[in-house]
Amino acid sequence: MEIFSQFLDIVLHLDQHLAALVGQYGIWVYAILFAIIFCETGLVVTPVLPGDSLLFVAGALAAESVGGGSIDIGVLIAVLFSAAVLGDNVNYWIGRWFGLRVLHWGAGAPRFFNRAAYDKAHAFYERHGGMMMIFARFIPLVRTFAPFVAGVARMTYLRYFLFDLTGAVCWVFLLTLAGYWFGNLPVVKNNLSLVMLGIIVVSLLPIVAGWLRARLAP
C-alpha cells in the first residue's frame, strides 16, 4: 500500500519531482527521461511507468526553461522521440524472437501455445496492425504490449516500423508541445494534479470501453 501511495504521489506531482531532477542533475535529465520512456515502451515488465503525463510535464518545464534554463524543447523532443522509437523496436524484436523460438519447438511446443490463435494474430496485424500501432501510442499498457505482440505475430517489419514511426511522431510532438504551449497557463499550472489525473483517465477510456463491450456482448 505504501508503494502504491508513493507511486500515486509521483504521478500526481510529476512536475515537482521532475523539476527536482532537473535541479539536481541538470543536463543529465535528458538521459533520465530517455531511460523512462525507453523502458515504458520497450520492456513489457514496466508498463506502469509514466508516459503521457511525463511528456506533458517535460514540455511544460521546457517552456519554463526558455531563456537559459536546463531543458531545451528541441533537444527534449529529439530525446523522447528517439527513446519511443528505439523502445518500441526493441520490444518488437523481443516479441519476434520469442515467437520464433515457440514456432521452432514444433511438436514440442508448450500446451499454452495455440497455433491457430497465432495465425489469426498474424493475419490481424498484417491487416490492421498499422493503425493499431498508431492508436496504441496513446493508450497506457496497450502502448507497452502492442509492439511485443506485433513481434510475436511476426508483422512485416517495414510496415510495422513505418506506422510505429508515425505513431511516435504524433505521440511525442502532440503531448510535449501541448505541455510547452499550455502547461504554464495559470489555470493549468494551479490545477496540474487534476490535469495529470485527467490525462490518465482519458487515456484509459479505450481500455475501459473495450472491457465493457466484452462484458456486455452476447
N, C-alpha and C. Protein backbone atom coordinates (compact mmCIF):
# COMPACT_ATOMS: atom_id res chain seq x y z
N MET A 1 0.83 -1.21 0.00
CA MET A 1 0.00 0.00 0.00
C MET A 1 0.87 1.26 0.00
N GLU A 2 1.97 1.20 0.74
CA GLU A 2 2.87 2.37 0.80
C GLU A 2 3.51 2.61 -0.56
N ILE A 3 3.87 1.52 -1.26
CA ILE A 3 4.47 1.67 -2.58
C ILE A 3 3.47 2.31 -3.54
N PHE A 4 2.21 1.89 -3.47
CA PHE A 4 1.17 2.47 -4.34
C PHE A 4 1.00 3.96 -4.04
N SER A 5 1.03 4.33 -2.75
CA SER A 5 0.88 5.74 -2.36
C SER A 5 2.03 6.57 -2.90
N GLN A 6 3.24 6.02 -2.84
CA GLN A 6 4.40 6.74 -3.37
C GLN A 6 4.29 6.89 -4.88
N PHE A 7 3.85 5.83 -5.55
CA PHE A 7 3.70 5.89 -7.00
C PHE A 7 2.65 6.92 -7.39
N LEU A 8 1.52 6.93 -6.66
CA LEU A 8 0.46 7.89 -6.94
C LEU A 8 0.94 9.31 -6.71
N ASP A 9 1.75 9.53 -5.68
CA ASP A 9 2.30 10.85 -5.40
C ASP A 9 3.20 11.31 -6.54
N ILE A 10 4.01 10.39 -7.08
CA ILE A 10 4.89 10.74 -8.19
C ILE A 10 4.08 11.12 -9.42
N VAL A 11 3.02 10.36 -9.70
CA VAL A 11 2.20 10.61 -10.88
C VAL A 11 1.46 11.95 -10.77
N LEU A 12 0.85 12.20 -9.61
CA LEU A 12 0.04 13.40 -9.44
C LEU A 12 0.88 14.65 -9.21
N HIS A 13 2.12 14.50 -8.77
CA HIS A 13 3.00 15.64 -8.55
C HIS A 13 4.27 15.49 -9.39
N LEU A 14 4.05 15.01 -10.62
CA LEU A 14 5.17 14.73 -11.51
C LEU A 14 5.98 15.99 -11.81
N ASP A 15 5.30 17.13 -11.86
CA ASP A 15 6.00 18.38 -12.14
C ASP A 15 7.04 18.69 -11.07
N GLN A 16 6.68 18.49 -9.81
CA GLN A 16 7.61 18.76 -8.71
C GLN A 16 8.79 17.80 -8.73
N HIS A 17 8.50 16.53 -8.95
CA HIS A 17 9.58 15.53 -8.96
C HIS A 17 10.51 15.74 -10.15
N LEU A 18 9.94 16.06 -11.31
CA LEU A 18 10.77 16.27 -12.49
C LEU A 18 11.59 17.55 -12.37
N ALA A 19 10.99 18.59 -11.79
CA ALA A 19 11.73 19.83 -11.56
C ALA A 19 12.90 19.59 -10.60
N ALA A 20 12.68 18.74 -9.60
CA ALA A 20 13.76 18.41 -8.66
C ALA A 20 14.89 17.68 -9.38
N LEU A 21 14.53 16.79 -10.30
CA LEU A 21 15.55 16.08 -11.07
C LEU A 21 16.35 17.03 -11.95
N VAL A 22 15.65 18.00 -12.54
CA VAL A 22 16.34 18.99 -13.37
C VAL A 22 17.32 19.80 -12.53
N GLY A 23 16.87 20.21 -11.34
CA GLY A 23 17.73 20.98 -10.46
C GLY A 23 18.92 20.18 -9.95
N GLN A 24 18.72 18.88 -9.76
CA GLN A 24 19.78 18.05 -9.20
C GLN A 24 20.77 17.54 -10.25
N TYR A 25 20.24 17.18 -11.44
CA TYR A 25 21.10 16.54 -12.44
C TYR A 25 21.37 17.40 -13.67
N GLY A 26 20.67 18.51 -13.81
CA GLY A 26 20.93 19.41 -14.93
C GLY A 26 20.71 18.73 -16.27
N ILE A 27 21.70 18.80 -17.12
CA ILE A 27 21.57 18.27 -18.48
C ILE A 27 21.39 16.76 -18.51
N TRP A 28 21.79 16.08 -17.44
CA TRP A 28 21.64 14.63 -17.38
C TRP A 28 20.17 14.21 -17.26
N VAL A 29 19.29 15.17 -17.07
CA VAL A 29 17.87 14.84 -17.01
C VAL A 29 17.39 14.27 -18.34
N TYR A 30 18.07 14.64 -19.44
CA TYR A 30 17.71 14.06 -20.75
C TYR A 30 17.90 12.55 -20.73
N ALA A 31 19.00 12.09 -20.12
CA ALA A 31 19.27 10.65 -20.04
C ALA A 31 18.22 9.95 -19.18
N ILE A 32 17.79 10.61 -18.10
CA ILE A 32 16.77 10.04 -17.22
C ILE A 32 15.45 9.91 -17.97
N LEU A 33 15.06 10.97 -18.69
CA LEU A 33 13.82 10.93 -19.45
C LEU A 33 13.88 9.88 -20.55
N PHE A 34 15.04 9.78 -21.21
CA PHE A 34 15.22 8.76 -22.25
C PHE A 34 15.01 7.37 -21.66
N ALA A 35 15.62 7.12 -20.50
CA ALA A 35 15.52 5.80 -19.87
C ALA A 35 14.09 5.46 -19.50
N ILE A 36 13.34 6.45 -18.97
CA ILE A 36 11.96 6.19 -18.55
C ILE A 36 11.09 5.84 -19.75
N ILE A 37 11.17 6.65 -20.81
CA ILE A 37 10.33 6.41 -21.99
C ILE A 37 10.76 5.13 -22.69
N PHE A 38 12.06 4.87 -22.74
CA PHE A 38 12.55 3.64 -23.37
C PHE A 38 12.01 2.42 -22.64
N CYS A 39 12.07 2.43 -21.31
CA CYS A 39 11.59 1.29 -20.54
C CYS A 39 10.08 1.15 -20.63
N GLU A 40 9.37 2.29 -20.62
CA GLU A 40 7.90 2.24 -20.67
C GLU A 40 7.40 1.68 -21.99
N THR A 41 8.13 1.93 -23.07
CA THR A 41 7.71 1.44 -24.38
C THR A 41 8.43 0.17 -24.80
N GLY A 42 9.59 -0.10 -24.22
CA GLY A 42 10.42 -1.20 -24.70
C GLY A 42 10.44 -2.45 -23.87
N LEU A 43 9.96 -2.39 -22.62
CA LEU A 43 10.02 -3.55 -21.74
C LEU A 43 8.62 -3.88 -21.24
N VAL A 44 8.16 -5.09 -21.50
CA VAL A 44 6.80 -5.45 -21.11
C VAL A 44 6.64 -5.55 -19.60
N VAL A 45 7.74 -5.51 -18.86
CA VAL A 45 7.65 -5.61 -17.40
C VAL A 45 7.53 -4.25 -16.73
N THR A 46 7.55 -3.16 -17.51
CA THR A 46 7.47 -1.81 -16.91
C THR A 46 6.38 -0.97 -17.56
N PRO A 47 5.16 -1.49 -17.68
CA PRO A 47 4.10 -0.71 -18.34
C PRO A 47 3.51 0.39 -17.48
N VAL A 48 3.83 0.41 -16.17
CA VAL A 48 3.22 1.38 -15.27
C VAL A 48 4.02 2.68 -15.16
N LEU A 49 5.15 2.74 -15.82
CA LEU A 49 5.93 3.98 -15.79
C LEU A 49 5.14 5.10 -16.47
N PRO A 50 5.32 6.35 -16.03
CA PRO A 50 4.58 7.46 -16.65
C PRO A 50 4.99 7.67 -18.09
N GLY A 51 4.01 7.91 -18.95
CA GLY A 51 4.28 8.15 -20.35
C GLY A 51 3.67 9.45 -20.82
N ASP A 52 2.33 9.46 -20.98
CA ASP A 52 1.63 10.66 -21.46
C ASP A 52 1.88 11.86 -20.54
N SER A 53 1.70 11.65 -19.24
CA SER A 53 1.86 12.75 -18.30
C SER A 53 3.30 13.24 -18.25
N LEU A 54 4.26 12.32 -18.42
CA LEU A 54 5.67 12.72 -18.40
C LEU A 54 5.99 13.62 -19.57
N LEU A 55 5.47 13.29 -20.75
CA LEU A 55 5.70 14.13 -21.93
C LEU A 55 5.12 15.52 -21.73
N PHE A 56 3.91 15.58 -21.18
CA PHE A 56 3.24 16.86 -20.96
C PHE A 56 4.02 17.73 -19.97
N VAL A 57 4.41 17.14 -18.85
CA VAL A 57 5.12 17.90 -17.82
C VAL A 57 6.51 18.32 -18.31
N ALA A 58 7.19 17.45 -19.03
CA ALA A 58 8.50 17.79 -19.57
C ALA A 58 8.40 18.98 -20.52
N GLY A 59 7.34 18.99 -21.34
CA GLY A 59 7.13 20.13 -22.23
C GLY A 59 6.88 21.41 -21.47
N ALA A 60 6.10 21.32 -20.38
CA ALA A 60 5.83 22.50 -19.55
C ALA A 60 7.11 23.02 -18.91
N LEU A 61 7.98 22.14 -18.44
CA LEU A 61 9.25 22.56 -17.84
C LEU A 61 10.18 23.18 -18.89
N ALA A 62 10.10 22.67 -20.11
CA ALA A 62 10.89 23.26 -21.19
C ALA A 62 10.46 24.70 -21.45
N ALA A 63 9.16 24.97 -21.35
CA ALA A 63 8.67 26.34 -21.53
C ALA A 63 9.19 27.24 -20.42
N GLU A 64 9.28 26.71 -19.20
CA GLU A 64 9.82 27.49 -18.09
C GLU A 64 11.31 27.75 -18.27
N SER A 65 11.98 26.87 -19.02
CA SER A 65 13.42 26.97 -19.18
C SER A 65 13.85 27.91 -20.29
N VAL A 66 12.88 28.48 -21.02
CA VAL A 66 13.22 29.40 -22.11
C VAL A 66 14.01 30.57 -21.56
N GLY A 67 15.15 30.83 -22.20
CA GLY A 67 15.98 31.94 -21.76
C GLY A 67 17.09 31.52 -20.82
N GLY A 68 17.62 30.29 -21.02
CA GLY A 68 18.77 29.90 -20.22
C GLY A 68 18.52 28.78 -19.24
N GLY A 69 17.37 28.12 -19.34
CA GLY A 69 17.08 27.02 -18.42
C GLY A 69 17.77 25.74 -18.84
N SER A 70 17.41 24.66 -18.18
CA SER A 70 18.10 23.39 -18.38
C SER A 70 17.51 22.55 -19.51
N ILE A 71 16.23 22.72 -19.83
CA ILE A 71 15.58 21.87 -20.83
C ILE A 71 15.27 22.68 -22.09
N ASP A 72 15.81 22.22 -23.20
CA ASP A 72 15.53 22.84 -24.50
C ASP A 72 14.47 22.01 -25.21
N ILE A 73 13.44 22.64 -25.70
CA ILE A 73 12.31 21.92 -26.27
C ILE A 73 12.72 21.08 -27.49
N GLY A 74 13.64 21.60 -28.30
CA GLY A 74 14.10 20.85 -29.47
C GLY A 74 14.84 19.59 -29.09
N VAL A 75 15.78 19.73 -28.15
CA VAL A 75 16.54 18.57 -27.67
C VAL A 75 15.61 17.59 -26.97
N LEU A 76 14.67 18.11 -26.18
CA LEU A 76 13.73 17.26 -25.45
C LEU A 76 12.92 16.39 -26.40
N ILE A 77 12.36 16.99 -27.45
CA ILE A 77 11.56 16.24 -28.41
C ILE A 77 12.41 15.18 -29.10
N ALA A 78 13.65 15.54 -29.47
CA ALA A 78 14.53 14.58 -30.13
C ALA A 78 14.84 13.40 -29.22
N VAL A 79 15.09 13.67 -27.95
CA VAL A 79 15.42 12.61 -26.99
C VAL A 79 14.21 11.70 -26.76
N LEU A 80 13.04 12.30 -26.53
CA LEU A 80 11.84 11.50 -26.28
C LEU A 80 11.43 10.69 -27.50
N PHE A 81 11.54 11.29 -28.67
CA PHE A 81 11.21 10.59 -29.91
C PHE A 81 12.14 9.40 -30.12
N SER A 82 13.44 9.61 -29.90
CA SER A 82 14.41 8.53 -30.07
C SER A 82 14.12 7.39 -29.10
N ALA A 83 13.80 7.74 -27.84
CA ALA A 83 13.52 6.73 -26.83
C ALA A 83 12.27 5.93 -27.19
N ALA A 84 11.23 6.62 -27.67
CA ALA A 84 9.97 5.96 -28.02
C ALA A 84 10.16 4.99 -29.18
N VAL A 85 10.87 5.41 -30.21
CA VAL A 85 11.08 4.56 -31.39
C VAL A 85 12.00 3.39 -31.05
N LEU A 86 13.11 3.67 -30.37
CA LEU A 86 14.05 2.62 -30.02
C LEU A 86 13.41 1.60 -29.07
N GLY A 87 12.65 2.10 -28.09
CA GLY A 87 11.99 1.21 -27.15
C GLY A 87 11.01 0.28 -27.85
N ASP A 88 10.17 0.83 -28.71
CA ASP A 88 9.19 0.01 -29.43
C ASP A 88 9.86 -1.05 -30.30
N ASN A 89 10.97 -0.67 -30.95
CA ASN A 89 11.63 -1.61 -31.84
C ASN A 89 12.34 -2.72 -31.07
N VAL A 90 12.91 -2.40 -29.93
CA VAL A 90 13.48 -3.44 -29.08
C VAL A 90 12.37 -4.39 -28.63
N ASN A 91 11.23 -3.83 -28.25
CA ASN A 91 10.09 -4.62 -27.80
C ASN A 91 9.60 -5.54 -28.92
N TYR A 92 9.54 -5.00 -30.13
CA TYR A 92 9.10 -5.79 -31.29
C TYR A 92 10.01 -6.99 -31.51
N TRP A 93 11.34 -6.75 -31.47
CA TRP A 93 12.27 -7.83 -31.77
C TRP A 93 12.35 -8.85 -30.64
N ILE A 94 12.10 -8.41 -29.41
CA ILE A 94 12.00 -9.38 -28.32
C ILE A 94 10.81 -10.30 -28.57
N GLY A 95 9.67 -9.70 -28.94
CA GLY A 95 8.48 -10.50 -29.24
C GLY A 95 8.69 -11.40 -30.45
N ARG A 96 9.36 -10.89 -31.46
CA ARG A 96 9.58 -11.70 -32.66
C ARG A 96 10.52 -12.87 -32.36
N TRP A 97 11.54 -12.61 -31.57
CA TRP A 97 12.46 -13.68 -31.19
C TRP A 97 11.73 -14.75 -30.39
N PHE A 98 10.90 -14.30 -29.44
CA PHE A 98 10.15 -15.25 -28.61
C PHE A 98 9.19 -16.07 -29.48
N GLY A 99 8.51 -15.41 -30.41
CA GLY A 99 7.57 -16.10 -31.27
C GLY A 99 8.26 -17.13 -32.14
N LEU A 100 9.42 -16.79 -32.67
CA LEU A 100 10.17 -17.73 -33.49
C LEU A 100 10.63 -18.93 -32.68
N ARG A 101 11.05 -18.69 -31.44
CA ARG A 101 11.50 -19.81 -30.59
C ARG A 101 10.36 -20.78 -30.36
N VAL A 102 9.15 -20.24 -30.12
CA VAL A 102 7.99 -21.10 -29.89
C VAL A 102 7.67 -21.91 -31.15
N LEU A 103 7.70 -21.24 -32.32
CA LEU A 103 7.39 -21.93 -33.57
C LEU A 103 8.39 -23.04 -33.85
N HIS A 104 9.65 -22.79 -33.54
CA HIS A 104 10.69 -23.77 -33.83
C HIS A 104 10.64 -24.97 -32.90
N TRP A 105 9.87 -24.87 -31.82
CA TRP A 105 9.73 -26.03 -30.95
C TRP A 105 8.90 -27.13 -31.61
N GLY A 106 8.08 -26.73 -32.61
CA GLY A 106 7.30 -27.71 -33.36
C GLY A 106 6.39 -28.53 -32.48
N ALA A 107 6.54 -29.84 -32.61
CA ALA A 107 5.65 -30.73 -31.85
C ALA A 107 5.89 -30.63 -30.36
N GLY A 108 7.06 -30.09 -29.98
CA GLY A 108 7.35 -29.96 -28.56
C GLY A 108 6.90 -28.65 -27.97
N ALA A 109 6.07 -27.89 -28.69
CA ALA A 109 5.60 -26.60 -28.20
C ALA A 109 4.79 -26.79 -26.93
N PRO A 110 4.87 -25.83 -26.02
CA PRO A 110 4.13 -25.95 -24.76
C PRO A 110 2.63 -25.93 -24.98
N ARG A 111 1.89 -26.44 -24.01
CA ARG A 111 0.44 -26.55 -24.17
C ARG A 111 -0.25 -25.20 -24.34
N PHE A 112 0.35 -24.14 -23.74
CA PHE A 112 -0.32 -22.85 -23.82
C PHE A 112 -0.27 -22.27 -25.23
N PHE A 113 0.61 -22.81 -26.08
CA PHE A 113 0.75 -22.26 -27.43
C PHE A 113 -0.35 -22.78 -28.34
N ASN A 114 -1.12 -21.87 -28.91
CA ASN A 114 -2.22 -22.21 -29.80
C ASN A 114 -1.86 -21.72 -31.20
N ARG A 115 -1.51 -22.63 -32.09
CA ARG A 115 -1.04 -22.24 -33.42
C ARG A 115 -2.13 -21.52 -34.21
N ALA A 116 -3.39 -21.95 -34.06
CA ALA A 116 -4.49 -21.31 -34.79
C ALA A 116 -4.64 -19.85 -34.33
N ALA A 117 -4.53 -19.63 -33.02
CA ALA A 117 -4.63 -18.26 -32.50
C ALA A 117 -3.45 -17.43 -32.99
N TYR A 118 -2.29 -18.05 -33.05
CA TYR A 118 -1.10 -17.35 -33.55
C TYR A 118 -1.30 -16.92 -35.00
N ASP A 119 -1.81 -17.82 -35.84
CA ASP A 119 -2.04 -17.48 -37.25
C ASP A 119 -3.06 -16.37 -37.40
N LYS A 120 -4.09 -16.38 -36.55
CA LYS A 120 -5.09 -15.31 -36.59
C LYS A 120 -4.48 -13.98 -36.17
N ALA A 121 -3.62 -14.02 -35.15
CA ALA A 121 -2.96 -12.79 -34.70
C ALA A 121 -2.07 -12.23 -35.80
N HIS A 122 -1.36 -13.12 -36.48
CA HIS A 122 -0.50 -12.69 -37.59
C HIS A 122 -1.33 -12.02 -38.69
N ALA A 123 -2.45 -12.65 -39.06
CA ALA A 123 -3.32 -12.09 -40.09
C ALA A 123 -3.90 -10.75 -39.66
N PHE A 124 -4.28 -10.66 -38.38
CA PHE A 124 -4.85 -9.41 -37.88
C PHE A 124 -3.83 -8.28 -37.96
N TYR A 125 -2.60 -8.55 -37.53
CA TYR A 125 -1.59 -7.49 -37.54
C TYR A 125 -1.16 -7.12 -38.95
N GLU A 126 -1.21 -8.06 -39.87
CA GLU A 126 -0.88 -7.73 -41.25
C GLU A 126 -1.96 -6.82 -41.85
N ARG A 127 -3.20 -7.02 -41.42
CA ARG A 127 -4.30 -6.23 -41.99
C ARG A 127 -4.52 -4.92 -41.22
N HIS A 128 -4.53 -4.99 -39.89
CA HIS A 128 -4.88 -3.82 -39.08
C HIS A 128 -3.75 -3.33 -38.17
N GLY A 129 -2.61 -3.99 -38.22
CA GLY A 129 -1.53 -3.66 -37.29
C GLY A 129 -1.01 -2.24 -37.42
N GLY A 130 -1.06 -1.68 -38.63
CA GLY A 130 -0.56 -0.32 -38.84
C GLY A 130 -1.30 0.70 -37.99
N MET A 131 -2.62 0.73 -38.13
CA MET A 131 -3.41 1.67 -37.35
C MET A 131 -3.36 1.33 -35.86
N MET A 132 -3.24 0.03 -35.56
CA MET A 132 -3.13 -0.40 -34.17
C MET A 132 -1.92 0.24 -33.52
N MET A 133 -0.79 0.27 -34.22
CA MET A 133 0.44 0.82 -33.65
C MET A 133 0.33 2.33 -33.44
N ILE A 134 -0.42 3.02 -34.30
CA ILE A 134 -0.58 4.47 -34.14
C ILE A 134 -1.47 4.76 -32.94
N PHE A 135 -2.64 4.12 -32.86
CA PHE A 135 -3.57 4.38 -31.77
C PHE A 135 -3.03 3.87 -30.43
N ALA A 136 -2.26 2.79 -30.46
CA ALA A 136 -1.73 2.22 -29.23
C ALA A 136 -0.81 3.19 -28.51
N ARG A 137 -0.18 4.08 -29.24
CA ARG A 137 0.72 5.06 -28.64
C ARG A 137 0.03 5.89 -27.56
N PHE A 138 -1.25 6.10 -27.69
CA PHE A 138 -1.97 6.98 -26.78
C PHE A 138 -2.72 6.23 -25.68
N ILE A 139 -2.49 4.92 -25.58
CA ILE A 139 -3.21 4.12 -24.58
C ILE A 139 -2.20 3.44 -23.66
N PRO A 140 -2.16 3.81 -22.38
CA PRO A 140 -1.23 3.15 -21.45
C PRO A 140 -1.47 1.65 -21.43
N LEU A 141 -0.45 0.90 -21.08
CA LEU A 141 -0.46 -0.56 -21.06
C LEU A 141 -0.47 -1.11 -22.49
N VAL A 142 -1.47 -0.73 -23.28
CA VAL A 142 -1.51 -1.17 -24.68
C VAL A 142 -0.28 -0.70 -25.41
N ARG A 143 0.17 0.52 -25.10
CA ARG A 143 1.36 1.10 -25.72
C ARG A 143 2.59 0.22 -25.47
N THR A 144 2.64 -0.41 -24.31
CA THR A 144 3.78 -1.26 -23.96
C THR A 144 3.69 -2.63 -24.59
N PHE A 145 2.48 -3.21 -24.64
CA PHE A 145 2.34 -4.59 -25.09
C PHE A 145 2.16 -4.73 -26.61
N ALA A 146 1.64 -3.70 -27.28
CA ALA A 146 1.36 -3.80 -28.72
C ALA A 146 2.60 -4.14 -29.55
N PRO A 147 3.75 -3.49 -29.32
CA PRO A 147 4.94 -3.84 -30.12
C PRO A 147 5.38 -5.28 -29.89
N PHE A 148 5.29 -5.74 -28.65
CA PHE A 148 5.67 -7.11 -28.33
C PHE A 148 4.78 -8.11 -29.06
N VAL A 149 3.47 -7.85 -29.03
CA VAL A 149 2.52 -8.74 -29.70
C VAL A 149 2.73 -8.70 -31.22
N ALA A 150 3.04 -7.51 -31.75
CA ALA A 150 3.31 -7.39 -33.18
C ALA A 150 4.51 -8.24 -33.57
N GLY A 151 5.51 -8.26 -32.69
CA GLY A 151 6.68 -9.10 -32.95
C GLY A 151 6.35 -10.57 -32.87
N VAL A 152 5.60 -10.97 -31.86
CA VAL A 152 5.20 -12.37 -31.73
C VAL A 152 4.38 -12.80 -32.95
N ALA A 153 3.49 -11.90 -33.42
CA ALA A 153 2.66 -12.21 -34.58
C ALA A 153 3.42 -12.08 -35.90
N ARG A 154 4.68 -11.68 -35.81
CA ARG A 154 5.55 -11.55 -36.98
C ARG A 154 4.95 -10.61 -38.03
N MET A 155 4.47 -9.46 -37.58
CA MET A 155 4.03 -8.42 -38.50
C MET A 155 5.22 -7.99 -39.35
N THR A 156 5.01 -7.81 -40.64
CA THR A 156 6.09 -7.40 -41.54
C THR A 156 6.81 -6.19 -40.97
N TYR A 157 8.14 -6.29 -40.81
CA TYR A 157 8.87 -5.29 -40.05
C TYR A 157 8.80 -3.91 -40.69
N LEU A 158 8.96 -3.80 -42.01
CA LEU A 158 8.94 -2.49 -42.64
C LEU A 158 7.60 -1.80 -42.42
N ARG A 159 6.52 -2.55 -42.55
CA ARG A 159 5.18 -2.00 -42.30
C ARG A 159 5.06 -1.56 -40.84
N TYR A 160 5.51 -2.43 -39.95
CA TYR A 160 5.49 -2.10 -38.52
C TYR A 160 6.27 -0.82 -38.25
N PHE A 161 7.48 -0.73 -38.78
CA PHE A 161 8.36 0.39 -38.48
C PHE A 161 7.77 1.71 -38.96
N LEU A 162 7.22 1.73 -40.17
CA LEU A 162 6.68 2.97 -40.72
C LEU A 162 5.49 3.48 -39.90
N PHE A 163 4.59 2.59 -39.52
CA PHE A 163 3.44 3.01 -38.73
C PHE A 163 3.86 3.36 -37.30
N ASP A 164 4.80 2.61 -36.76
CA ASP A 164 5.28 2.91 -35.41
C ASP A 164 5.97 4.28 -35.39
N LEU A 165 6.72 4.59 -36.44
CA LEU A 165 7.38 5.88 -36.55
C LEU A 165 6.34 7.00 -36.59
N THR A 166 5.28 6.79 -37.36
CA THR A 166 4.19 7.77 -37.43
C THR A 166 3.55 7.97 -36.06
N GLY A 167 3.29 6.87 -35.36
CA GLY A 167 2.70 6.97 -34.04
C GLY A 167 3.60 7.70 -33.06
N ALA A 168 4.90 7.46 -33.14
CA ALA A 168 5.85 8.13 -32.24
C ALA A 168 5.87 9.63 -32.50
N VAL A 169 5.83 10.02 -33.76
CA VAL A 169 5.80 11.45 -34.10
C VAL A 169 4.56 12.11 -33.51
N CYS A 170 3.40 11.49 -33.72
CA CYS A 170 2.14 12.06 -33.20
C CYS A 170 2.16 12.13 -31.68
N TRP A 171 2.57 11.06 -31.03
CA TRP A 171 2.55 10.97 -29.56
C TRP A 171 3.48 11.99 -28.93
N VAL A 172 4.73 11.98 -29.34
CA VAL A 172 5.73 12.85 -28.72
C VAL A 172 5.46 14.32 -29.02
N PHE A 173 5.20 14.64 -30.27
CA PHE A 173 5.01 16.04 -30.63
C PHE A 173 3.73 16.61 -30.01
N LEU A 174 2.62 15.87 -30.09
CA LEU A 174 1.36 16.40 -29.58
C LEU A 174 1.41 16.64 -28.08
N LEU A 175 1.86 15.66 -27.31
CA LEU A 175 1.82 15.79 -25.86
C LEU A 175 2.91 16.73 -25.34
N THR A 176 4.10 16.65 -25.91
CA THR A 176 5.18 17.53 -25.45
C THR A 176 4.89 18.99 -25.78
N LEU A 177 4.42 19.24 -26.99
CA LEU A 177 4.10 20.62 -27.38
C LEU A 177 2.85 21.13 -26.66
N ALA A 178 1.92 20.23 -26.33
CA ALA A 178 0.76 20.65 -25.54
C ALA A 178 1.22 21.15 -24.18
N GLY A 179 2.16 20.44 -23.55
CA GLY A 179 2.72 20.90 -22.28
C GLY A 179 3.50 22.20 -22.44
N TYR A 180 4.22 22.31 -23.54
CA TYR A 180 5.04 23.50 -23.80
C TYR A 180 4.17 24.74 -23.99
N TRP A 181 3.06 24.58 -24.70
CA TRP A 181 2.19 25.72 -25.00
C TRP A 181 1.18 26.03 -23.90
N PHE A 182 0.69 25.00 -23.24
CA PHE A 182 -0.42 25.21 -22.29
C PHE A 182 -0.09 24.86 -20.84
N GLY A 183 1.02 24.16 -20.61
CA GLY A 183 1.33 23.69 -19.27
C GLY A 183 1.55 24.76 -18.24
N ASN A 184 1.93 25.96 -18.69
CA ASN A 184 2.21 27.03 -17.75
C ASN A 184 1.12 28.10 -17.70
N LEU A 185 0.00 27.83 -18.34
CA LEU A 185 -1.15 28.71 -18.17
C LEU A 185 -1.61 28.63 -16.72
N PRO A 186 -1.96 29.74 -16.09
CA PRO A 186 -2.33 29.72 -14.66
C PRO A 186 -3.38 28.68 -14.32
N VAL A 187 -4.42 28.55 -15.15
CA VAL A 187 -5.49 27.62 -14.84
C VAL A 187 -4.99 26.17 -14.88
N VAL A 188 -4.01 25.89 -15.75
CA VAL A 188 -3.44 24.54 -15.84
C VAL A 188 -2.42 24.32 -14.74
N LYS A 189 -1.54 25.30 -14.55
CA LYS A 189 -0.46 25.14 -13.57
C LYS A 189 -1.01 25.03 -12.15
N ASN A 190 -2.05 25.78 -11.85
CA ASN A 190 -2.63 25.74 -10.49
C ASN A 190 -3.45 24.49 -10.23
N ASN A 191 -3.77 23.76 -11.28
CA ASN A 191 -4.55 22.53 -11.13
C ASN A 191 -3.87 21.37 -11.84
N LEU A 192 -2.55 21.35 -11.78
CA LEU A 192 -1.79 20.37 -12.56
C LEU A 192 -2.07 18.94 -12.11
N SER A 193 -2.30 18.73 -10.83
CA SER A 193 -2.61 17.38 -10.35
C SER A 193 -3.89 16.86 -11.00
N LEU A 194 -4.90 17.75 -11.11
CA LEU A 194 -6.15 17.35 -11.76
C LEU A 194 -5.93 17.11 -13.25
N VAL A 195 -5.05 17.92 -13.86
CA VAL A 195 -4.74 17.73 -15.28
C VAL A 195 -4.08 16.38 -15.50
N MET A 196 -3.10 16.03 -14.62
CA MET A 196 -2.42 14.74 -14.72
C MET A 196 -3.42 13.60 -14.58
N LEU A 197 -4.31 13.74 -13.61
CA LEU A 197 -5.32 12.71 -13.40
C LEU A 197 -6.24 12.61 -14.60
N GLY A 198 -6.60 13.77 -15.17
CA GLY A 198 -7.45 13.79 -16.36
C GLY A 198 -6.79 13.11 -17.55
N ILE A 199 -5.49 13.34 -17.73
CA ILE A 199 -4.76 12.71 -18.83
C ILE A 199 -4.79 11.19 -18.67
N ILE A 200 -4.57 10.73 -17.43
CA ILE A 200 -4.58 9.30 -17.17
C ILE A 200 -5.96 8.70 -17.44
N VAL A 201 -7.00 9.37 -16.94
CA VAL A 201 -8.37 8.87 -17.12
C VAL A 201 -8.75 8.82 -18.59
N VAL A 202 -8.49 9.89 -19.32
CA VAL A 202 -8.84 9.95 -20.74
C VAL A 202 -8.09 8.87 -21.53
N SER A 203 -6.81 8.69 -21.22
CA SER A 203 -6.02 7.70 -21.95
C SER A 203 -6.45 6.26 -21.65
N LEU A 204 -7.07 6.07 -20.48
CA LEU A 204 -7.53 4.72 -20.12
C LEU A 204 -8.95 4.42 -20.60
N LEU A 205 -9.67 5.42 -21.08
CA LEU A 205 -11.05 5.22 -21.52
C LEU A 205 -11.20 4.13 -22.58
N PRO A 206 -10.30 4.07 -23.60
CA PRO A 206 -10.46 2.99 -24.59
C PRO A 206 -10.38 1.60 -23.97
N ILE A 207 -9.51 1.42 -22.96
CA ILE A 207 -9.41 0.12 -22.30
C ILE A 207 -10.70 -0.21 -21.58
N VAL A 208 -11.24 0.78 -20.86
CA VAL A 208 -12.49 0.58 -20.12
C VAL A 208 -13.63 0.28 -21.09
N ALA A 209 -13.68 1.04 -22.20
CA ALA A 209 -14.74 0.83 -23.19
C ALA A 209 -14.65 -0.56 -23.79
N GLY A 210 -13.43 -1.02 -24.09
CA GLY A 210 -13.26 -2.36 -24.63
C GLY A 210 -13.67 -3.44 -23.64
N TRP A 211 -13.35 -3.23 -22.37
CA TRP A 211 -13.72 -4.20 -21.34
C TRP A 211 -15.24 -4.28 -21.19
N LEU A 212 -15.90 -3.09 -21.17
CA LEU A 212 -17.36 -3.06 -21.05
C LEU A 212 -18.02 -3.71 -22.26
N ARG A 213 -17.48 -3.46 -23.45
CA ARG A 213 -18.06 -4.04 -24.65
C ARG A 213 -17.96 -5.57 -24.60
N ALA A 214 -16.81 -6.07 -24.09
CA ALA A 214 -16.63 -7.51 -23.99
C ALA A 214 -17.57 -8.10 -22.94
N ARG A 215 -17.78 -7.38 -21.84
CA ARG A 215 -18.65 -7.88 -20.77
C ARG A 215 -20.11 -7.89 -21.19
N LEU A 216 -20.51 -6.89 -21.98
CA LEU A 216 -21.92 -6.75 -22.35
C LEU A 216 -22.28 -7.48 -23.63
N ALA A 217 -21.26 -7.99 -24.31
CA ALA A 217 -21.55 -8.69 -25.56
C ALA A 217 -22.28 -10.00 -25.29
N PRO A 218 -23.17 -10.42 -26.20
CA PRO A 218 -23.89 -11.71 -26.02
C PRO A 218 -22.90 -12.87 -25.91
